[in-house]
Protein backbone atom coordinates (compact mmCIF):
# COMPACT_ATOMS: atom_id res chain seq x y z
CA MET A 1 161.02 71.40 79.40
CA ASN A 2 159.13 71.65 82.66
CA GLN A 3 155.61 70.94 81.50
CA ILE A 4 152.80 72.00 83.82
CA ILE A 5 149.46 70.22 83.62
CA THR A 6 146.30 71.89 84.92
CA GLU A 7 143.28 69.78 85.92
CA ILE A 8 139.86 71.02 87.02
CA ALA A 9 138.43 69.01 89.93
CA HIS A 10 134.65 69.42 89.73
CA ALA A 11 132.48 68.99 92.79
CA LYS A 12 129.61 66.53 92.63
CA ILE A 13 126.05 66.54 93.92
CA ASN A 14 123.75 63.60 94.59
CA PHE A 15 120.32 63.88 93.00
CA THR A 16 119.47 60.66 94.84
CA LEU A 17 121.27 58.70 97.56
CA SER A 18 119.72 55.49 98.79
CA VAL A 19 121.76 53.60 101.39
CA GLY A 20 121.44 49.86 102.03
CA ASN A 21 122.21 47.89 105.16
CA LYS A 22 125.74 47.63 106.54
CA ARG A 23 127.74 44.89 104.83
CA SER A 24 130.01 42.34 106.51
CA ASP A 25 133.05 44.38 105.41
CA GLY A 26 131.73 47.46 107.20
CA TYR A 27 130.74 49.33 104.05
CA HIS A 28 127.23 50.16 102.86
CA ASP A 29 125.85 49.58 99.40
CA ILE A 30 124.43 52.69 97.80
CA ASP A 31 122.26 53.52 94.80
CA SER A 32 122.81 57.12 93.71
CA ILE A 33 122.59 59.46 90.77
CA MET A 34 125.64 61.74 90.88
CA HIS A 35 126.30 64.76 88.66
CA SER A 36 129.38 66.95 88.27
CA ILE A 37 128.91 70.68 88.79
CA SER A 38 130.89 73.77 87.84
CA LEU A 39 132.09 74.54 91.37
CA ALA A 40 135.63 73.21 91.27
CA ASP A 41 139.16 73.15 92.64
CA THR A 42 142.11 73.75 90.31
CA ILE A 43 145.16 71.50 90.47
CA THR A 44 148.50 71.91 88.73
CA LEU A 45 151.09 69.17 88.31
CA LYS A 46 154.78 69.46 87.45
CA LYS A 47 157.29 66.64 87.22
CA SER A 48 159.64 66.29 90.17
CA ASN A 49 161.84 63.69 91.82
CA VAL A 50 159.63 63.60 94.93
CA LEU A 51 155.97 64.05 95.87
CA THR A 52 155.14 67.54 97.22
CA LEU A 53 151.94 69.53 97.67
CA SER A 54 151.40 73.28 98.02
CA ILE A 55 147.98 74.71 98.93
CA ILE A 56 147.69 78.14 97.38
CA HIS A 57 144.10 78.89 98.42
CA GLY A 58 141.70 77.34 100.92
CA SER A 59 142.21 74.70 103.56
CA ALA A 60 143.12 71.02 103.11
CA PRO A 61 145.45 68.44 104.70
CA LYS A 62 149.06 69.05 103.63
CA GLY A 63 150.70 65.71 104.21
CA LYS A 64 150.11 62.10 103.24
CA GLU A 65 146.62 62.18 104.76
CA ASN A 66 145.61 64.26 101.72
CA LEU A 67 144.00 62.02 99.09
CA MET A 68 146.01 63.81 96.39
CA PHE A 69 149.19 62.33 97.88
CA GLN A 70 147.64 58.87 98.04
CA ALA A 71 146.41 59.14 94.45
CA ALA A 72 149.89 60.10 93.23
CA GLU A 73 151.47 57.20 95.09
CA LEU A 74 148.85 54.86 93.60
CA PHE A 75 149.55 56.12 90.08
CA PHE A 76 153.29 55.46 90.31
CA GLU A 77 152.70 52.08 91.95
CA LYS A 78 150.25 50.95 89.27
CA THR A 79 152.25 52.24 86.28
CA GLY A 80 155.63 51.14 87.65
CA LEU A 81 157.08 54.55 86.82
CA SER A 82 159.76 56.11 88.98
CA GLY A 83 159.47 59.79 89.52
CA GLY A 84 157.41 62.29 91.39
CA VAL A 85 155.27 65.36 91.03
CA HIS A 86 154.86 68.78 92.58
CA MET A 87 151.16 69.44 93.07
CA THR A 88 149.42 72.74 93.79
CA LEU A 89 145.85 73.03 95.00
CA ASP A 90 143.56 76.02 94.62
CA LYS A 91 140.75 74.91 96.96
CA ARG A 92 137.25 76.27 96.26
CA ILE A 93 134.98 73.32 97.12
CA PRO A 94 133.97 73.47 100.80
CA SER A 95 135.29 70.62 102.97
CA GLU A 96 133.04 68.17 104.84
CA ALA A 97 130.17 69.19 102.63
CA GLY A 98 129.19 65.95 100.85
CA MET A 99 130.40 67.38 97.54
CA GLY A 100 133.38 65.09 96.98
CA GLY A 101 135.97 67.83 97.39
CA GLY A 102 138.83 65.57 98.47
CA SER A 103 137.71 62.81 96.11
CA SER A 104 137.62 65.14 93.09
CA ASP A 105 141.12 66.39 93.92
CA ALA A 106 142.45 62.81 94.00
CA ALA A 107 140.67 62.03 90.74
CA ALA A 108 142.19 65.11 89.11
CA VAL A 109 145.66 64.01 90.20
CA LEU A 110 145.15 60.61 88.51
CA ARG A 111 143.87 62.19 85.28
CA GLY A 112 146.61 64.81 85.32
CA LEU A 113 149.48 62.37 85.96
CA ASN A 114 148.13 60.23 83.12
CA ARG A 115 148.60 63.24 80.84
CA LEU A 116 151.87 64.46 82.39
CA TYR A 117 153.57 61.07 81.96
CA ASP A 118 151.82 60.14 78.64
CA THR A 119 150.70 56.80 80.03
CA ASN A 120 147.41 56.67 78.05
CA VAL A 121 145.56 54.75 80.75
CA SER A 122 141.80 54.80 80.13
CA ARG A 123 139.52 56.70 82.50
CA GLU A 124 137.75 53.45 83.25
CA THR A 125 141.02 51.89 84.43
CA LEU A 126 141.96 54.95 86.46
CA ALA A 127 138.52 54.80 88.09
CA ALA A 128 138.99 51.11 88.92
CA TRP A 129 142.42 51.81 90.42
CA SER A 130 141.01 54.60 92.58
CA ALA A 131 138.18 52.65 94.25
CA PRO A 132 140.22 51.55 97.31
CA LEU A 133 141.07 55.20 98.06
CA GLY A 134 137.47 56.32 98.46
CA ALA A 135 133.95 55.46 97.32
CA ASP A 136 133.35 58.75 95.42
CA ILE A 137 136.68 58.83 93.59
CA PRO A 138 135.73 56.49 90.70
CA PHE A 139 132.81 58.79 89.79
CA CYS A 140 135.01 61.87 90.14
CA VAL A 141 137.52 60.29 87.74
CA MET A 142 134.78 59.67 85.18
CA GLU A 143 132.81 62.92 85.77
CA GLY A 144 129.55 63.92 84.04
CA ALA A 145 126.51 62.01 85.27
CA ALA A 146 126.26 58.43 86.44
CA ARG A 147 124.32 55.91 88.47
CA CYS A 148 126.69 54.71 91.19
CA GLN A 149 126.09 51.42 93.01
CA GLY A 150 128.02 48.98 95.19
CA ILE A 151 130.00 51.24 97.53
CA GLY A 152 130.16 53.73 94.64
CA GLU A 153 132.57 51.85 92.41
CA LYS A 154 129.97 50.33 90.09
CA ILE A 155 129.37 53.15 87.63
CA THR A 156 126.77 53.32 84.86
CA SER A 157 127.44 56.47 82.85
CA LEU A 158 124.40 58.58 81.97
CA THR A 159 123.99 61.46 79.54
CA PRO A 160 124.71 64.59 81.59
CA TRP A 161 122.04 67.27 81.84
CA GLU A 162 124.34 70.24 81.45
CA GLY A 163 123.47 73.77 82.45
CA LEU A 164 120.94 73.23 85.24
CA PRO A 165 121.24 76.36 87.41
CA LEU A 166 122.01 75.62 91.06
CA VAL A 167 122.61 77.53 94.27
CA ILE A 168 124.93 75.67 96.65
CA VAL A 169 124.75 76.45 100.36
CA ARG A 170 126.61 75.05 103.32
CA PRO A 171 125.65 76.06 106.86
CA ASN A 172 128.45 76.45 109.35
CA VAL A 173 128.44 72.85 110.52
CA SER A 174 130.48 69.76 109.68
CA VAL A 175 129.17 66.21 109.55
CA SER A 176 131.27 63.09 110.06
CA THR A 177 130.52 60.55 107.32
CA GLY A 178 130.96 57.72 109.84
CA LYS A 179 128.51 59.33 112.21
CA ALA A 180 126.05 59.84 109.34
CA TYR A 181 126.12 56.16 108.38
CA HIS A 182 125.76 55.15 112.04
CA GLN A 183 122.60 57.26 112.32
CA LEU A 184 121.18 55.66 109.17
CA ASP A 185 121.76 52.20 110.61
CA GLN A 186 119.51 53.15 113.54
CA LEU A 187 116.48 53.90 111.32
CA ALA A 188 113.71 51.33 111.59
CA VAL A 189 112.36 52.18 108.15
CA LYS A 190 114.51 53.49 105.28
CA PRO A 191 113.09 56.07 102.86
CA ALA A 192 111.94 54.91 99.41
CA ASN A 193 114.59 54.60 96.70
CA THR A 194 113.76 57.08 93.89
CA THR A 195 116.85 56.43 91.77
CA ASP A 196 114.97 54.69 88.92
CA ALA A 197 112.62 57.69 88.66
CA CYS A 198 115.55 60.11 88.74
CA GLU A 199 117.40 58.25 85.99
CA LYS A 200 114.26 58.38 83.82
CA ALA A 201 113.79 62.12 84.53
CA LEU A 202 117.39 62.81 83.50
CA ALA A 203 117.00 60.84 80.28
CA GLU A 204 113.76 62.68 79.44
CA ARG A 205 115.06 66.10 80.55
CA ASN A 206 111.92 66.49 82.65
CA ARG A 207 112.48 69.10 85.38
CA ASP A 208 109.26 68.38 87.25
CA HIS A 209 110.00 64.67 87.41
CA LEU A 210 113.60 65.38 88.39
CA ALA A 211 112.42 67.62 91.20
CA SER A 212 109.97 65.01 92.52
CA SER A 213 112.64 62.29 92.42
CA LEU A 214 115.24 64.10 94.55
CA SER A 215 115.96 62.09 97.71
CA ASN A 216 118.74 61.55 100.21
CA ASP A 217 118.48 58.92 102.98
CA PHE A 218 120.95 60.90 105.11
CA GLU A 219 118.33 63.61 105.65
CA ALA A 220 116.17 61.17 107.63
CA GLY A 221 119.18 59.97 109.61
CA LEU A 222 120.88 63.30 110.36
CA PHE A 223 118.15 65.91 110.70
CA PRO A 224 117.03 64.70 114.16
CA LEU A 225 120.65 64.73 115.29
CA GLU A 226 121.75 68.04 113.75
CA PRO A 227 119.00 70.68 114.13
CA ILE A 228 120.96 73.15 111.98
CA LEU A 229 120.59 70.78 109.02
CA GLN A 230 116.84 70.51 109.58
CA ASP A 231 116.63 74.30 109.89
CA THR A 232 118.64 74.75 106.70
CA SER A 233 116.38 72.38 104.79
CA SER A 234 113.25 74.15 106.09
CA TYR A 235 114.66 77.55 105.14
CA LEU A 236 115.53 76.40 101.62
CA ARG A 237 112.19 74.72 101.01
CA LYS A 238 110.45 77.99 101.89
CA GLN A 239 112.05 79.40 98.74
CA ASN A 240 109.65 77.13 96.79
CA ARG A 241 112.44 75.56 94.78
CA PRO A 242 113.54 71.91 94.80
CA ALA A 243 116.22 71.55 97.48
CA LEU A 244 118.23 68.60 98.84
CA MET A 245 121.20 67.85 101.04
CA THR A 246 124.03 66.32 99.02
CA GLY A 247 126.05 63.30 100.14
CA SER A 248 126.28 63.00 103.91
CA GLY A 249 126.14 66.81 104.22
CA SER A 250 126.42 69.46 105.20
CA ALA A 251 125.93 71.20 101.84
CA PHE A 252 122.56 71.55 100.07
CA PHE A 253 121.63 72.53 96.56
CA LEU A 254 118.65 74.48 95.27
CA LEU A 255 117.47 73.94 91.70
CA ALA A 256 116.75 77.42 90.31
CA LYS A 257 114.31 78.15 87.48
CA ASP A 258 116.86 79.98 85.32
CA ARG A 259 119.99 82.12 85.54
CA ALA A 260 118.12 85.23 86.75
CA ASP A 261 116.33 83.21 89.42
CA GLN A 262 119.63 81.67 90.46
CA LYS A 263 121.31 85.06 90.92
CA GLN A 264 118.34 86.44 92.90
CA LEU A 265 118.18 83.38 95.17
CA ALA A 266 121.94 83.50 95.86
CA LYS A 267 121.80 87.23 96.63
CA GLN A 268 118.85 86.76 99.00
CA ILE A 269 120.48 83.86 100.86
CA ARG A 270 123.79 85.71 101.22
CA GLU A 271 121.95 88.67 102.74
CA THR A 272 119.85 86.63 105.18
CA LYS A 273 122.48 83.98 106.02
CA PRO A 274 125.84 85.82 105.95
CA ASP A 275 127.70 83.05 107.77
CA TRP A 276 126.77 80.38 105.19
CA PHE A 277 128.86 79.36 102.21
CA VAL A 278 126.79 80.32 99.15
CA ALA A 279 127.82 79.73 95.52
CA GLU A 280 126.17 79.76 92.14
CA ALA A 281 126.89 76.70 90.02
CA ARG A 282 125.55 74.63 87.13
CA THR A 283 125.65 70.99 86.14
CA VAL A 284 128.47 70.10 83.76
CA GLY A 285 129.50 67.17 81.55
CA LYS A 286 132.89 65.51 81.22
């Protein structure tokens, strides 16, 4: 029987993102609170003799440069299984947005292959396997909420705060992650790390404290270089809602008061900024 496995690849946002100095291996240590959100890609997996990928909606690399391919190869290498998989991708998370779109797809492939081949590998082990593929992938394997340190591979799971209403926006600009880190390295003074305060706010379910703890070092590094990002941030903050760029950009999230406020904000932004990506979302657990 040709079993088909479906996996949901949730996007992530960073409530905080503090970036340390460049390490000798070229990477940067981070300290970040990440949370999964409802905006997601959908991936299906079906056993095959080879590795193939079909993109049925949206845009993504089609060959081996796609992290889904690399994740599948990693799974078969680590488990010692021979075989393959036909993968389909329904892409809804915007690319180059700082939302872990490619990382979440790779994570979904690992989780899905684990189910498809009945290998019963723990999520923690899958996350550890995935670290060399990309810094966000271990979190995307685990999902929910977590404090991520090291280059992102050191994960401390937190209790998710599910159901926070968000409006996701992405202006029509792409940001290279490498360029973003380079700009951060030029800063004489790094912003304060608010991750401890954010973790406490999450634990206490305190919206005011969560709002005041939102921070992303990349804003200080990139806004002078990319005026559209500065303009986007200014526009969003005029809505008098907590707003922050996620990851290394170029997406932002607004924290709405409730579902009605979320719908009104999204409608208003779509009308005034028709060329932006705008989506309603909420925080989700595992």
